[in-house]
């Protein structure tokens, strides 16, 4: 079995990018899934929000960052909010009418 190491094709995408999974193994069923993650961040915790509809990702991230007074980013369709603020994020999302589910440890 051979894995591609280098390609000069500017339109080439990895098989994961072709599947349209947006870097997430969660279904896109309208339920926002919250997970606290530290892996790959040198121990700094972030709360990742999966399952937001594509048209709501940017406004939702902006709203949460403003209300919490913290930083964050959008990476591959996943909203990352800095800090271990899971209960606060859950409360804000529930108050704004979203269905929320906590996943992971």
PDB file of N, CA and C in Angstrom:
ATOM      1  N   UNK A   1       0.841  -1.172   0.000  1.00  0.00           N
ATOM      2  CA  UNK A   1       0.000   0.000   0.000  1.00  0.00           C
ATOM      3  C   UNK A   1       0.886   1.235   0.000  1.00  0.00           C
ATOM      4  N   UNK A   2       0.546   2.186  -0.850  1.00  0.00           N
ATOM      5  CA  UNK A   2       1.365   3.379  -0.994  1.00  0.00           C
ATOM      6  C   UNK A   2       0.550   4.610  -0.614  1.00  0.00           C
ATOM      7  N   UNK A   3       1.119   5.465   0.209  1.00  0.00           N
ATOM      8  CA  UNK A   3       0.481   6.719   0.582  1.00  0.00           C
ATOM      9  C   UNK A   3       1.135   7.856  -0.175  1.00  0.00           C
ATOM     10  N   UNK A   4       0.334   8.783  -0.657  1.00  0.00           N
ATOM     11  CA  UNK A   4       0.838   9.937  -1.367  1.00  0.00           C
ATOM     12  C   UNK A   4       1.584  10.844  -0.402  1.00  0.00           C
ATOM     13  N   UNK A   5       2.806  11.221  -0.774  1.00  0.00           N
ATOM     14  CA  UNK A   5       3.624  12.054   0.085  1.00  0.00           C
ATOM     15  C   UNK A   5       3.649  13.493  -0.408  1.00  0.00           C
ATOM     16  N   UNK A   6       3.661  13.688  -1.732  1.00  0.00           N
ATOM     17  CA  UNK A   6       3.783  15.026  -2.287  1.00  0.00           C
ATOM     18  C   UNK A   6       3.015  15.089  -3.591  1.00  0.00           C
ATOM     19  N   UNK A   7       2.346  16.205  -3.848  1.00  0.00           N
ATOM     20  CA  UNK A   7       1.615  16.390  -5.089  1.00  0.00           C
ATOM     21  C   UNK A   7       1.803  17.820  -5.571  1.00  0.00           C
ATOM     22  N   UNK A   8       1.958  17.979  -6.885  1.00  0.00           N
ATOM     23  CA  UNK A   8       2.085  19.318  -7.463  1.00  0.00           C
ATOM     24  C   UNK A   8       0.741  19.829  -7.957  1.00  0.00           C
ATOM     25  N   UNK A   9      -0.297  19.030  -7.835  1.00  0.00           N
ATOM     26  CA  UNK A   9      -1.635  19.433  -8.273  1.00  0.00           C
ATOM     27  C   UNK A   9      -2.223  20.427  -7.278  1.00  0.00           C
ATOM     28  N   UNK A  10      -2.495  21.684  -7.677  1.00  0.00           N
ATOM     29  CA  UNK A  10      -3.007  22.667  -6.724  1.00  0.00           C
ATOM     30  C   UNK A  10      -4.439  22.380  -6.254  1.00  0.00           C
ATOM     31  N   UNK A  11      -5.192  21.555  -6.952  1.00  0.00           N
ATOM     32  CA  UNK A  11      -6.571  21.249  -6.590  1.00  0.00           C
ATOM     33  C   UNK A  11      -6.706  19.939  -5.828  1.00  0.00           C
ATOM     34  N   UNK A  12      -5.589  19.313  -5.483  1.00  0.00           N
ATOM     35  CA  UNK A  12      -5.634  18.029  -4.803  1.00  0.00           C
ATOM     36  C   UNK A  12      -6.112  18.202  -3.371  1.00  0.00           C
ATOM     37  N   UNK A  13      -6.960  17.278  -2.912  1.00  0.00           N
ATOM     38  CA  UNK A  13      -7.457  17.289  -1.544  1.00  0.00           C
ATOM     39  C   UNK A  13      -7.272  15.906  -0.954  1.00  0.00           C
ATOM     40  N   UNK A  14      -7.081  15.866   0.354  1.00  0.00           N
ATOM     41  CA  UNK A  14      -6.958  14.580   1.020  1.00  0.00           C
ATOM     42  C   UNK A  14      -8.313  13.873   0.972  1.00  0.00           C
ATOM     43  N   UNK A  15      -8.352  12.559   1.108  1.00  0.00           N
ATOM     44  CA  UNK A  15      -9.642  11.853   1.095  1.00  0.00           C
ATOM     45  C   UNK A  15     -10.606  12.354   2.158  1.00  0.00           C
ATOM     46  N   UNK A  16     -10.115  12.793   3.321  1.00  0.00           N
ATOM     47  CA  UNK A  16     -10.994  13.318   4.370  1.00  0.00           C
ATOM     48  C   UNK A  16     -11.656  14.618   3.924  1.00  0.00           C
ATOM     49  N   UNK A  17     -10.943  15.448   3.161  1.00  0.00           N
ATOM     50  CA  UNK A  17     -11.512  16.700   2.669  1.00  0.00           C
ATOM     51  C   UNK A  17     -12.550  16.436   1.581  1.00  0.00           C
ATOM     52  N   UNK A  18     -12.367  15.383   0.827  1.00  0.00           N
ATOM     53  CA  UNK A  18     -13.319  15.037  -0.231  1.00  0.00           C
ATOM     54  C   UNK A  18     -14.645  14.546   0.325  1.00  0.00           C
ATOM     55  N   UNK A  19     -14.627  13.954   1.503  1.00  0.00           N
ATOM     56  CA  UNK A  19     -15.844  13.368   2.051  1.00  0.00           C
ATOM     57  C   UNK A  19     -16.828  14.421   2.554  1.00  0.00           C
ATOM     58  N   UNK A  20     -16.372  15.649   2.780  1.00  0.00           N
ATOM     59  CA  UNK A  20     -17.255  16.711   3.255  1.00  0.00           C
ATOM     60  C   UNK A  20     -17.585  16.593   4.726  1.00  0.00           C
ATOM     61  N   UNK A  21     -16.773  15.877   5.476  1.00  0.00           N
ATOM     62  CA  UNK A  21     -17.046  15.677   6.897  1.00  0.00           C
ATOM     63  C   UNK A  21     -16.683  16.888   7.737  1.00  0.00           C
ATOM     64  N   UNK A  22     -16.047  17.878   7.176  1.00  0.00           N
ATOM     65  CA  UNK A  22     -15.643  19.104   7.860  1.00  0.00           C
ATOM     66  C   UNK A  22     -14.778  18.819   9.076  1.00  0.00           C
ATOM     67  N   UNK A  23     -13.979  17.760   9.038  1.00  0.00           N
ATOM     68  CA  UNK A  23     -13.072  17.475  10.132  1.00  0.00           C
ATOM     69  C   UNK A  23     -13.768  16.991  11.387  1.00  0.00           C
ATOM     70  N   UNK A  24     -14.989  16.539  11.279  1.00  0.00           N
ATOM     71  CA  UNK A  24     -15.760  16.146  12.443  1.00  0.00           C
ATOM     72  C   UNK A  24     -16.385  14.778  12.218  1.00  0.00           C
ATOM     73  N   UNK A  25     -16.422  13.971  13.278  1.00  0.00           N
ATOM     74  CA  UNK A  25     -17.070  12.667  13.184  1.00  0.00           C
ATOM     75  C   UNK A  25     -18.508  12.728  13.700  1.00  0.00           C
ATOM     76  N   UNK A  26     -18.997  13.933  14.039  1.00  0.00           N
ATOM     77  CA  UNK A  26     -20.347  14.083  14.554  1.00  0.00           C
ATOM     78  C   UNK A  26     -21.327  14.335  13.414  1.00  0.00           C
ATOM     79  N   UNK A  27     -22.572  13.850  13.528  1.00  0.00           N
ATOM     80  CA  UNK A  27     -23.565  14.104  12.481  1.00  0.00           C
ATOM     81  C   UNK A  27     -24.011  15.563  12.478  1.00  0.00           C
ATOM     82  N   UNK A  28     -24.461  16.021  11.341  1.00  0.00           N
ATOM     83  CA  UNK A  28     -24.961  17.390  11.217  1.00  0.00           C
ATOM     84  C   UNK A  28     -26.479  17.333  11.359  1.00  0.00           C
ATOM     85  N   UNK A  29     -26.960  17.175  12.607  1.00  0.00           N
ATOM     86  CA  UNK A  29     -28.384  16.982  12.868  1.00  0.00           C
ATOM     87  C   UNK A  29     -29.040  18.148  13.600  1.00  0.00           C
ATOM     88  N   UNK A  30     -28.350  19.285  13.690  1.00  0.00           N
ATOM     89  CA  UNK A  30     -28.921  20.455  14.337  1.00  0.00           C
ATOM     90  C   UNK A  30     -28.646  20.544  15.823  1.00  0.00           C
ATOM     91  N   UNK A  31     -27.994  19.534  16.387  1.00  0.00           N
ATOM     92  CA  UNK A  31     -27.640  19.560  17.797  1.00  0.00           C
ATOM     93  C   UNK A  31     -26.187  20.014  17.903  1.00  0.00           C
ATOM     94  N   UNK A  32     -25.946  21.040  18.716  1.00  0.00           N
ATOM     95  CA  UNK A  32     -24.582  21.520  18.920  1.00  0.00           C
ATOM     96  C   UNK A  32     -23.922  20.662  19.979  1.00  0.00           C
ATOM     97  N   UNK A  33     -22.761  20.124  19.657  1.00  0.00           N
ATOM     98  CA  UNK A  33     -22.038  19.272  20.586  1.00  0.00           C
ATOM     99  C   UNK A  33     -20.833  20.031  21.121  1.00  0.00           C
ATOM    100  N   UNK A  34     -20.715  20.068  22.450  1.00  0.00           N
ATOM    101  CA  UNK A  34     -19.631  20.790  23.109  1.00  0.00           C
ATOM    102  C   UNK A  34     -18.639  19.785  23.666  1.00  0.00           C
ATOM    103  N   UNK A  35     -17.356  20.057  23.420  1.00  0.00           N
ATOM    104  CA  UNK A  35     -16.317  19.176  23.938  1.00  0.00           C
ATOM    105  C   UNK A  35     -15.130  20.017  24.389  1.00  0.00           C
ATOM    106  N   UNK A  36     -14.611  19.743  25.574  1.00  0.00           N
ATOM    107  CA  UNK A  36     -13.411  20.410  26.060  1.00  0.00           C
ATOM    108  C   UNK A  36     -12.214  19.638  25.528  1.00  0.00           C
ATOM    109  N   UNK A  37     -11.255  20.339  24.906  1.00  0.00           N
ATOM    110  CA  UNK A  37     -10.082  19.697  24.331  1.00  0.00           C
ATOM    111  C   UNK A  37      -8.812  20.413  24.767  1.00  0.00           C
ATOM    112  N   UNK A  38      -7.741  19.622  24.951  1.00  0.00           N
ATOM    113  CA  UNK A  38      -6.434  20.185  25.252  1.00  0.00           C
ATOM    114  C   UNK A  38      -5.366  19.601  24.339  1.00  0.00           C
ATOM    115  N   UNK A  39      -5.670  18.547  23.628  1.00  0.00           N
ATOM    116  CA  UNK A  39      -4.681  17.854  22.808  1.00  0.00           C
ATOM    117  C   UNK A  39      -4.129  18.779  21.715  1.00  0.00           C
ATOM    118  N   UNK A  40      -2.822  18.829  21.618  1.00  0.00           N
ATOM    119  CA  UNK A  40      -2.168  19.630  20.593  1.00  0.00           C
ATOM    120  C   UNK A  40      -2.132  21.110  20.903  1.00  0.00           C
ATOM    121  N   UNK A  41      -2.454  21.483  22.137  1.00  0.00           N
ATOM    122  CA  UNK A  41      -2.501  22.903  22.497  1.00  0.00           C
ATOM    123  C   UNK A  41      -1.614  23.210  23.694  1.00  0.00           C
ATOM    124  N   UNK A  42      -0.647  22.349  23.951  1.00  0.00           N
ATOM    125  CA  UNK A  42       0.309  22.512  25.050  1.00  0.00           C
ATOM    126  C   UNK A  42      -0.396  22.676  26.397  1.00  0.00           C
ATOM    127  N   UNK A  43      -1.480  21.942  26.609  1.00  0.00           N
ATOM    128  CA  UNK A  43      -2.197  21.954  27.873  1.00  0.00           C
ATOM    129  C   UNK A  43      -3.251  23.034  28.018  1.00  0.00           C
ATOM    130  N   UNK A  44      -3.287  23.982  27.090  1.00  0.00           N
ATOM    131  CA  UNK A  44      -4.290  25.048  27.165  1.00  0.00           C
ATOM    132  C   UNK A  44      -5.634  24.500  26.706  1.00  0.00           C
ATOM    133  N   UNK A  45      -6.655  24.708  27.487  1.00  0.00           N
ATOM    134  CA  UNK A  45      -7.966  24.159  27.170  1.00  0.00           C
ATOM    135  C   UNK A  45      -8.781  25.068  26.276  1.00  0.00           C
ATOM    136  N   UNK A  46      -9.537  24.458  25.377  1.00  0.00           N
ATOM    137  CA  UNK A  46     -10.505  25.164  24.556  1.00  0.00           C
ATOM    138  C   UNK A  46     -11.793  24.364  24.569  1.00  0.00           C
ATOM    139  N   UNK A  47     -12.889  25.022  24.273  1.00  0.00           N
ATOM    140  CA  UNK A  47     -14.170  24.337  24.111  1.00  0.00           C
ATOM    141  C   UNK A  47     -14.477  24.348  22.628  1.00  0.00           C
ATOM    142  N   UNK A  48     -14.649  23.160  22.058  1.00  0.00           N
ATOM    143  CA  UNK A  48     -14.961  23.034  20.635  1.00  0.00           C
ATOM    144  C   UNK A  48     -16.458  22.786  20.478  1.00  0.00           C
ATOM    145  N   UNK A  49     -17.047  23.488  19.508  1.00  0.00           N
ATOM    146  CA  UNK A  49     -18.473  23.373  19.234  1.00  0.00           C
ATOM    147  C   UNK A  49     -18.642  22.773  17.856  1.00  0.00           C
ATOM    148  N   UNK A  50     -19.215  21.585  17.801  1.00  0.00           N
ATOM    149  CA  UNK A  50     -19.415  20.849  16.561  1.00  0.00           C
ATOM    150  C   UNK A  50     -20.895  20.870  16.182  1.00  0.00           C
ATOM    151  N   UNK A  51     -21.182  20.756  14.892  1.00  0.00           N
ATOM    152  CA  UNK A  51     -22.544  20.559  14.422  1.00  0.00           C
ATOM    153  C   UNK A  51     -23.329  21.805  14.116  1.00  0.00           C
ATOM    154  N   UNK A  52     -22.690  22.972  14.111  1.00  0.00           N
ATOM    155  CA  UNK A  52     -23.417  24.196  13.767  1.00  0.00           C
ATOM    156  C   UNK A  52     -23.614  24.245  12.256  1.00  0.00           C
ATOM    157  N   UNK A  53     -24.785  24.683  11.798  1.00  0.00           N
ATOM    158  CA  UNK A  53     -24.998  24.826  10.363  1.00  0.00           C
ATOM    159  C   UNK A  53     -23.982  25.802   9.766  1.00  0.00           C
ATOM    160  N   UNK A  54     -23.501  25.540   8.547  1.00  0.00           N
ATOM    161  CA  UNK A  54     -22.444  26.375   7.953  1.00  0.00           C
ATOM    162  C   UNK A  54     -22.763  27.867   7.919  1.00  0.00           C
ATOM    163  N   UNK A  55     -24.031  28.240   7.712  1.00  0.00           N
ATOM    164  CA  UNK A  55     -24.379  29.656   7.630  1.00  0.00           C
ATOM    165  C   UNK A  55     -24.401  30.327   9.004  1.00  0.00           C
ATOM    166  N   UNK A  56     -24.428  29.530  10.089  1.00  0.00           N
ATOM    167  CA  UNK A  56     -24.479  30.088  11.441  1.00  0.00           C
ATOM    168  C   UNK A  56     -23.141  30.042  12.162  1.00  0.00           C
ATOM    169  N   UNK A  57     -22.131  29.427  11.572  1.00  0.00           N
ATOM    170  CA  UNK A  57     -20.862  29.243  12.271  1.00  0.00           C
ATOM    171  C   UNK A  57     -20.216  30.583  12.626  1.00  0.00           C
ATOM    172  N   UNK A  58     -20.037  31.447  11.641  1.00  0.00           N
ATOM    173  CA  UNK A  58     -19.338  32.710  11.895  1.00  0.00           C
ATOM    174  C   UNK A  58     -20.110  33.639  12.843  1.00  0.00           C
ATOM    175  N   UNK A  59     -21.422  33.863  12.626  1.00  0.00           N
ATOM    176  CA  UNK A  59     -22.141  34.731  13.574  1.00  0.00           C
ATOM    177  C   UNK A  59     -22.186  34.161  15.001  1.00  0.00           C
ATOM    178  N   UNK A  60     -22.317  32.838  15.108  1.00  0.00           N
ATOM    179  CA  UNK A  60     -22.362  32.205  16.425  1.00  0.00           C
ATOM    180  C   UNK A  60     -21.029  32.361  17.145  1.00  0.00           C
ATOM    181  N   UNK A  61     -19.929  32.149  16.433  1.00  0.00           N
ATOM    182  CA  UNK A  61     -18.603  32.299  17.037  1.00  0.00           C
ATOM    183  C   UNK A  61     -18.382  33.738  17.491  1.00  0.00           C
ATOM    184  N   UNK A  62     -18.779  34.686  16.656  1.00  0.00           N
ATOM    185  CA  UNK A  62     -18.608  36.100  16.998  1.00  0.00           C
ATOM    186  C   UNK A  62     -19.425  36.458  18.242  1.00  0.00           C
ATOM    187  N   UNK A  63     -20.655  35.972  18.301  1.00  0.00           N
ATOM    188  CA  UNK A  63     -21.532  36.247  19.442  1.00  0.00           C
ATOM    189  C   UNK A  63     -20.952  35.672  20.732  1.00  0.00           C
ATOM    190  N   UNK A  64     -20.486  34.423  20.677  1.00  0.00           N
ATOM    191  CA  UNK A  64     -19.944  33.791  21.883  1.00  0.00           C
ATOM    192  C   UNK A  64     -18.674  34.491  22.357  1.00  0.00           C
ATOM    193  N   UNK A  65     -17.791  34.830  21.434  1.00  0.00           N
ATOM    194  CA  UNK A  65     -16.552  35.507  21.822  1.00  0.00           C
ATOM    195  C   UNK A  65     -16.841  36.865  22.461  1.00  0.00           C
ATOM    196  N   UNK A  66     -17.828  37.570  21.925  1.00  0.00           N
ATOM    197  CA  UNK A  66     -18.177  38.885  22.463  1.00  0.00           C
ATOM    198  C   UNK A  66     -18.802  38.757  23.849  1.00  0.00           C
ATOM    199  N   UNK A  67     -19.759  37.841  24.012  1.00  0.00           N
ATOM    200  CA  UNK A  67     -20.446  37.693  25.295  1.00  0.00           C
ATOM    201  C   UNK A  67     -19.534  37.157  26.393  1.00  0.00           C
ATOM    202  N   UNK A  68     -18.574  36.301  26.022  1.00  0.00           N
ATOM    203  CA  UNK A  68     -17.678  35.721  27.015  1.00  0.00           C
ATOM    204  C   UNK A  68     -16.426  36.563  27.231  1.00  0.00           C
ATOM    205  N   UNK A  69     -16.147  37.478  26.315  1.00  0.00           N
ATOM    206  CA  UNK A  69     -14.952  38.301  26.437  1.00  0.00           C
ATOM    207  C   UNK A  69     -13.684  37.500  26.288  1.00  0.00           C
ATOM    208  N   UNK A  70     -13.684  36.563  25.367  1.00  0.00           N
ATOM    209  CA  UNK A  70     -12.541  35.686  25.171  1.00  0.00           C
ATOM    210  C   UNK A  70     -12.251  35.522  23.691  1.00  0.00           C
ATOM    211  N   UNK A  71     -11.136  34.899  23.382  1.00  0.00           N
ATOM    212  CA  UNK A  71     -10.755  34.667  21.993  1.00  0.00           C
ATOM    213  C   UNK A  71     -11.293  33.349  21.503  1.00  0.00           C
ATOM    214  N   UNK A  72     -11.094  33.129  20.221  1.00  0.00           N
ATOM    215  CA  UNK A  72     -11.542  31.882  19.631  1.00  0.00           C
ATOM    216  C   UNK A  72     -11.215  31.853  18.159  1.00  0.00           C
ATOM    217  N   UNK A  73     -11.583  30.760  17.505  1.00  0.00           N
ATOM    218  CA  UNK A  73     -11.295  30.596  16.082  1.00  0.00           C
ATOM    219  C   UNK A  73     -12.304  29.638  15.470  1.00  0.00           C
ATOM    220  N   UNK A  74     -12.323  29.626  14.147  1.00  0.00           N
ATOM    221  CA  UNK A  74     -13.123  28.664  13.395  1.00  0.00           C
ATOM    222  C   UNK A  74     -12.145  27.857  12.568  1.00  0.00           C
ATOM    223  N   UNK A  75     -12.103  26.554  12.784  1.00  0.00           N
ATOM    224  CA  UNK A  75     -11.186  25.678  12.063  1.00  0.00           C
ATOM    225  C   UNK A  75     -11.953  24.490  11.510  1.00  0.00           C
ATOM    226  N   UNK A  76     -12.003  24.381  10.199  1.00  0.00           N
ATOM    227  CA  UNK A  76     -12.665  23.270   9.507  1.00  0.00           C
ATOM    228  C   UNK A  76     -14.110  23.087   9.956  1.00  0.00           C
ATOM    229  N   UNK A  77     -14.832  24.178  10.110  1.00  0.00           N
ATOM    230  CA  UNK A  77     -16.238  24.110  10.480  1.00  0.00           C
ATOM    231  C   UNK A  77     -16.497  23.875  11.954  1.00  0.00           C
ATOM    232  N   UNK A  78     -15.456  23.947  12.774  1.00  0.00           N
ATOM    233  CA  UNK A  78     -15.583  23.744  14.211  1.00  0.00           C
ATOM    234  C   UNK A  78     -15.246  25.062  14.903  1.00  0.00           C
ATOM    235  N   UNK A  79     -16.098  25.492  15.819  1.00  0.00           N
ATOM    236  CA  UNK A  79     -15.855  26.715  16.568  1.00  0.00           C
ATOM    237  C   UNK A  79     -15.035  26.362  17.803  1.00  0.00           C
ATOM    238  N   UNK A  80     -13.899  27.054  17.984  1.00  0.00           N
ATOM    239  CA  UNK A  80     -13.061  26.849  19.156  1.00  0.00           C
ATOM    240  C   UNK A  80     -13.087  28.121  19.999  1.00  0.00           C
ATOM    241  N   UNK A  81     -13.487  28.004  21.250  1.00  0.00           N
ATOM    242  CA  UNK A  81     -13.515  29.126  22.185  1.00  0.00           C
ATOM    243  C   UNK A  81     -12.443  28.876  23.236  1.00  0.00           C
ATOM    244  N   UNK A  82     -11.575  29.851  23.460  1.00  0.00           N
ATOM    245  CA  UNK A  82     -10.463  29.687  24.392  1.00  0.00           C
ATOM    246  C   UNK A  82     -10.939  29.647  25.833  1.00  0.00           C
ATOM    247  N   UNK A  83     -10.269  28.821  26.617  1.00  0.00           N
ATOM    248  CA  UNK A  83     -10.566  28.721  28.037  1.00  0.00           C
ATOM    249  C   UNK A  83     -11.525  27.587  28.346  1.00  0.00           C
ATOM    250  N   UNK A  84     -11.541  27.205  29.600  1.00  0.00           N
ATOM    251  CA  UNK A  84     -12.428  26.134  30.062  1.00  0.00           C
ATOM    252  C   UNK A  84     -13.733  26.765  30.532  1.00  0.00           C
ATOM    253  N   UNK A  85     -14.574  27.166  29.587  1.00  0.00           N
ATOM    254  CA  UNK A  85     -15.814  27.898  29.890  1.00  0.00           C
ATOM    255  C   UNK A  85     -17.041  27.094  29.460  1.00  0.00           C
ATOM    256  N   UNK A  86     -16.967  25.791  29.559  1.00  0.00           N
ATOM    257  CA  UNK A  86     -18.033  24.917  29.076  1.00  0.00           C
ATOM    258  C   UNK A  86     -19.403  25.235  29.677  1.00  0.00           C
ATOM    259  N   UNK A  87     -19.553  25.389  30.997  1.00  0.00           N
ATOM    260  CA  UNK A  87     -20.887  25.683  31.541  1.00  0.00           C
ATOM    261  C   UNK A  87     -21.458  27.012  31.039  1.00  0.00           C
ATOM    262  N   UNK A  88     -20.603  28.019  30.927  1.00  0.00           N
ATOM    263  CA  UNK A  88     -21.068  29.329  30.457  1.00  0.00           C
ATOM    264  C   UNK A  88     -21.505  29.267  28.997  1.00  0.00           C
ATOM    265  N   UNK A  89     -20.730  28.560  28.186  1.00  0.00           N
ATOM    266  CA  UNK A  89     -21.074  28.429  26.765  1.00  0.00           C
ATOM    267  C   UNK A  89     -22.379  27.663  26.616  1.00  0.00           C
ATOM    268  N   UNK A  90     -22.542  26.597  27.405  1.00  0.00           N
ATOM    269  CA  UNK A  90     -23.773  25.812  27.353  1.00  0.00           C
ATOM    270  C   UNK A  90     -24.982  26.680  27.703  1.00  0.00           C
ATOM    271  N   UNK A  91     -24.875  27.483  28.763  1.00  0.00           N
ATOM    272  CA  UNK A  91     -25.984  28.357  29.171  1.00  0.00           C
ATOM    273  C   UNK A  91     -26.329  29.367  28.090  1.00  0.00           C
ATOM    274  N   UNK A  92     -25.321  29.989  27.477  1.00  0.00           N
ATOM    275  CA  UNK A  92     -25.570  30.981  26.431  1.00  0.00           C
ATOM    276  C   UNK A  92     -26.253  30.354  25.216  1.00  0.00           C
ATOM    277  N   UNK A  93     -25.818  29.148  24.834  1.00  0.00           N
ATOM    278  CA  UNK A  93     -26.411  28.488  23.669  1.00  0.00           C
ATOM    279  C   UNK A  93     -27.846  28.054  23.941  1.00  0.00           C
ATOM    280  N   UNK A  94     -28.119  27.559  25.142  1.00  0.00           N
ATOM    281  CA  UNK A  94     -29.486  27.139  25.493  1.00  0.00           C
ATOM    282  C   UNK A  94     -30.412  28.350  25.519  1.00  0.00           C
ATOM    283  N   UNK A  95     -29.932  29.469  26.091  1.00  0.00           N
ATOM    284  CA  UNK A  95     -30.746  30.692  26.147  1.00  0.00           C
ATOM    285  C   UNK A  95     -31.052  31.223  24.749  1.00  0.00           C
ATOM    286  N   UNK A  96     -30.139  31.002  23.799  1.00  0.00           N
ATOM    287  CA  UNK A  96     -30.373  31.488  22.436  1.00  0.00           C
ATOM    288  C   UNK A  96     -31.170  30.488  21.592  1.00  0.00           C
ATOM    289  N   UNK A  97     -31.641  29.402  22.201  1.00  0.00           N
ATOM    290  CA  UNK A  97     -32.558  28.497  21.526  1.00  0.00           C
ATOM    291  C   UNK A  97     -31.928  27.321  20.808  1.00  0.00           C
ATOM    292  N   UNK A  98     -30.679  27.012  21.083  1.00  0.00           N
ATOM    293  CA  UNK A  98     -30.014  25.880  20.441  1.00  0.00           C
ATOM    294  C   UNK A  98     -30.144  24.629  21.303  1.00  0.00           C
ATOM    295  N   UNK A  99     -30.178  23.472  20.645  1.00  0.00           N
ATOM    296  CA  UNK A  99     -30.119  22.208  21.359  1.00  0.00           C
ATOM    297  C   UNK A  99     -28.648  21.906  21.580  1.00  0.00           C
ATOM    298  N   UNK A 100     -28.289  21.575  22.833  1.00  0.00           N
ATOM    299  CA  UNK A 100     -26.890  21.403  23.200  1.00  0.00           C
ATOM    300  C   UNK A 100     -26.700  20.033  23.839  1.00  0.00           C
ATOM    301  N   UNK A 101     -25.563  19.408  23.508  1.00  0.00           N
ATOM    302  CA  UNK A 101     -25.203  18.120  24.068  1.00  0.00           C
ATOM    303  C   UNK A 101     -23.724  18.150  24.399  1.00  0.00           C
ATOM    304  N   UNK A 102     -23.367  17.811  25.640  1.00  0.00           N
ATOM    305  CA  UNK A 102     -21.958  17.737  26.026  1.00  0.00           C
ATOM    306  C   UNK A 102     -21.448  16.350  25.689  1.00  0.00           C
ATOM    307  N   UNK A 103     -20.288  16.285  25.025  1.00  0.00           N
ATOM    308  CA  UNK A 103     -19.705  14.995  24.655  1.00  0.00           C
ATOM    309  C   UNK A 103     -18.294  14.918  25.198  1.00  0.00           C
ATOM    310  N   UNK A 104     -17.782  13.716  25.318  1.00  0.00           N
ATOM    311  CA  UNK A 104     -16.425  13.530  25.821  1.00  0.00           C
ATOM    312  C   UNK A 104     -16.422  13.438  27.332  1.00  0.00           C
ATOM    313  N   UNK A 105     -15.198  13.278  27.881  1.00  0.00           N
ATOM    314  CA  UNK A 105     -15.008  13.107  29.316  1.00  0.00           C
ATOM    315  C   UNK A 105     -15.656  14.131  30.096  1.00  0.00           C
TER     316      UNK A 105
END
